[in-house]
Amino acid sequence: METDTAISAREQLDLLRAELESRGWLADHRGTDARPFLHVRNPADAGFNDSIAHIGERYHWVWGPEIGPADDVQAVADRILHVLRVVGS
């Protein structure tokens, strides 16, 4: 018997949240059950922040562009930290 191993968008976002928090970044769930997203903030400057959605099998900035595949949470976290970094610190 085959079981469905698909996880929800919120569960995918929780995997990303855990990865970001393990690196000292701030992240919390927002949105609705139907349209969840993760709000991420740079701990050095909360002005550097953005929101991330899980759509299909990929993570995206909520305003559209793809960040990376859901099966590579570490690379997605790397990209988020790169984009939201404080330049010169």
C-alpha atoms as a PDB file:
ATOM      1  CA  MET A   1       0.000   0.000   0.000  1.00  0.00           C
ATOM      2  CA  GLU A   2       1.353   3.383  -1.005  1.00  0.00           C
ATOM      3  CA  THR A   3       0.982   6.357   1.327  1.00  0.00           C
ATOM      4  CA  ASP A   4       0.892  10.015   0.444  1.00  0.00           C
ATOM      5  CA  THR A   5       4.093  11.610   1.719  1.00  0.00           C
ATOM      6  CA  ALA A   6       3.357  15.101   0.393  1.00  0.00           C
ATOM      7  CA  ILE A   7       3.580  17.773   3.026  1.00  0.00           C
ATOM      8  CA  SER A   8       1.653  21.003   3.175  1.00  0.00           C
ATOM      9  CA  ALA A   9       2.983  24.420   2.207  1.00  0.00           C
ATOM     10  CA  ARG A  10       2.993  25.382   5.897  1.00  0.00           C
ATOM     11  CA  GLU A  11       5.055  22.299   6.752  1.00  0.00           C
ATOM     12  CA  GLN A  12       7.511  23.147   3.945  1.00  0.00           C
ATOM     13  CA  LEU A  13       7.758  26.687   5.268  1.00  0.00           C
ATOM     14  CA  ASP A  14       8.366  25.295   8.750  1.00  0.00           C
ATOM     15  CA  LEU A  15      11.372  23.346   7.437  1.00  0.00           C
ATOM     16  CA  LEU A  16      12.760  26.582   6.022  1.00  0.00           C
ATOM     17  CA  ARG A  17      11.960  28.455   9.243  1.00  0.00           C
ATOM     18  CA  ALA A  18      13.903  25.889  11.264  1.00  0.00           C
ATOM     19  CA  GLU A  19      16.906  26.169   8.914  1.00  0.00           C
ATOM     20  CA  LEU A  20      16.896  29.977   9.091  1.00  0.00           C
ATOM     21  CA  GLU A  21      16.510  30.013  12.873  1.00  0.00           C
ATOM     22  CA  SER A  22      19.389  27.534  13.226  1.00  0.00           C
ATOM     23  CA  ARG A  23      21.496  30.224  11.551  1.00  0.00           C
ATOM     24  CA  GLY A  24      20.311  32.916  13.963  1.00  0.00           C
ATOM     25  CA  TRP A  25      17.776  34.552  11.661  1.00  0.00           C
ATOM     26  CA  LEU A  26      14.233  35.545  12.623  1.00  0.00           C
ATOM     27  CA  ALA A  27      11.310  33.896  10.834  1.00  0.00           C
ATOM     28  CA  ASP A  28       7.644  33.446  11.646  1.00  0.00           C
ATOM     29  CA  HIS A  29       4.555  32.101   9.967  1.00  0.00           C
ATOM     30  CA  ARG A  30       2.027  34.572   8.603  1.00  0.00           C
ATOM     31  CA  GLY A  31      -0.851  34.514   6.160  1.00  0.00           C
ATOM     32  CA  THR A  32      -3.791  32.141   6.174  1.00  0.00           C
ATOM     33  CA  ASP A  33      -4.123  28.364   6.112  1.00  0.00           C
ATOM     34  CA  ALA A  34      -4.911  28.618   2.406  1.00  0.00           C
ATOM     35  CA  ARG A  35      -2.039  31.055   1.659  1.00  0.00           C
ATOM     36  CA  PRO A  36       0.670  30.742   4.296  1.00  0.00           C
ATOM     37  CA  PHE A  37       3.974  32.530   4.048  1.00  0.00           C
ATOM     38  CA  LEU A  38       7.091  32.986   6.130  1.00  0.00           C
ATOM     39  CA  HIS A  39       8.242  36.455   7.165  1.00  0.00           C
ATOM     40  CA  VAL A  40      12.059  36.532   7.441  1.00  0.00           C
ATOM     41  CA  ARG A  41      14.100  39.278   9.114  1.00  0.00           C
ATOM     42  CA  ASN A  42      17.818  39.925   9.279  1.00  0.00           C
ATOM     43  CA  PRO A  43      18.788  39.847  12.982  1.00  0.00           C
ATOM     44  CA  ALA A  44      21.345  42.613  12.445  1.00  0.00           C
ATOM     45  CA  ASP A  45      18.805  44.981  10.866  1.00  0.00           C
ATOM     46  CA  ALA A  46      15.098  44.120  10.868  1.00  0.00           C
ATOM     47  CA  GLY A  47      14.648  46.585   7.994  1.00  0.00           C
ATOM     48  CA  PHE A  48      16.095  43.872   5.782  1.00  0.00           C
ATOM     49  CA  ASN A  49      13.111  41.552   5.605  1.00  0.00           C
ATOM     50  CA  ASP A  50      10.855  39.827   3.127  1.00  0.00           C
ATOM     51  CA  SER A  51       8.235  37.139   2.845  1.00  0.00           C
ATOM     52  CA  ILE A  52       8.572  33.676   1.363  1.00  0.00           C
ATOM     53  CA  ALA A  53       5.864  31.376  -0.036  1.00  0.00           C
ATOM     54  CA  HIS A  54       5.917  27.703  -0.978  1.00  0.00           C
ATOM     55  CA  ILE A  55       4.223  27.121  -4.327  1.00  0.00           C
ATOM     56  CA  GLY A  56       4.206  23.698  -5.934  1.00  0.00           C
ATOM     57  CA  GLU A  57       7.597  22.224  -5.186  1.00  0.00           C
ATOM     58  CA  ARG A  58       9.463  25.526  -4.951  1.00  0.00           C
ATOM     59  CA  TYR A  59      10.045  28.461  -2.635  1.00  0.00           C
ATOM     60  CA  HIS A  60       9.270  31.935  -3.994  1.00  0.00           C
ATOM     61  CA  TRP A  61       9.429  35.513  -2.796  1.00  0.00           C
ATOM     62  CA  VAL A  62       5.768  36.420  -2.243  1.00  0.00           C
ATOM     63  CA  TRP A  63       6.065  39.060  -4.953  1.00  0.00           C
ATOM     64  CA  GLY A  64       6.895  36.392  -7.522  1.00  0.00           C
ATOM     65  CA  PRO A  65      10.448  35.295  -8.316  1.00  0.00           C
ATOM     66  CA  GLU A  66      11.555  31.773  -7.524  1.00  0.00           C
ATOM     67  CA  ILE A  67      14.174  31.262  -4.819  1.00  0.00           C
ATOM     68  CA  GLY A  68      14.780  27.537  -5.221  1.00  0.00           C
ATOM     69  CA  PRO A  69      13.463  23.985  -4.966  1.00  0.00           C
ATOM     70  CA  ALA A  70      11.761  22.674  -1.844  1.00  0.00           C
ATOM     71  CA  ASP A  71      14.127  19.714  -1.703  1.00  0.00           C
ATOM     72  CA  ASP A  72      17.151  21.991  -1.134  1.00  0.00           C
ATOM     73  CA  VAL A  73      16.232  23.978   1.975  1.00  0.00           C
ATOM     74  CA  GLN A  74      19.880  24.800   2.777  1.00  0.00           C
ATOM     75  CA  ALA A  75      20.480  26.394  -0.635  1.00  0.00           C
ATOM     76  CA  VAL A  76      17.214  28.334  -0.374  1.00  0.00           C
ATOM     77  CA  ALA A  77      18.264  29.609   3.071  1.00  0.00           C
ATOM     78  CA  ASP A  78      21.672  30.580   1.650  1.00  0.00           C
ATOM     79  CA  ARG A  79      19.990  32.628  -1.078  1.00  0.00           C
ATOM     80  CA  ILE A  80      17.609  34.350   1.341  1.00  0.00           C
ATOM     81  CA  LEU A  81      20.482  35.283   3.660  1.00  0.00           C
ATOM     82  CA  HIS A  82      22.470  36.579   0.702  1.00  0.00           C
ATOM     83  CA  VAL A  83      19.623  38.786  -0.527  1.00  0.00           C
ATOM     84  CA  LEU A  84      18.684  40.097   2.931  1.00  0.00           C
ATOM     85  CA  ARG A  85      22.246  40.631   4.152  1.00  0.00           C
ATOM     86  CA  VAL A  86      23.466  43.934   5.504  1.00  0.00           C
ATOM     87  CA  VAL A  87      26.150  45.051   3.041  1.00  0.00           C
ATOM     88  CA  GLY A  88      29.420  46.026   4.686  1.00  0.00           C
ATOM     89  CA  SER A  89      28.896  44.122   7.907  1.00  0.00           C
END
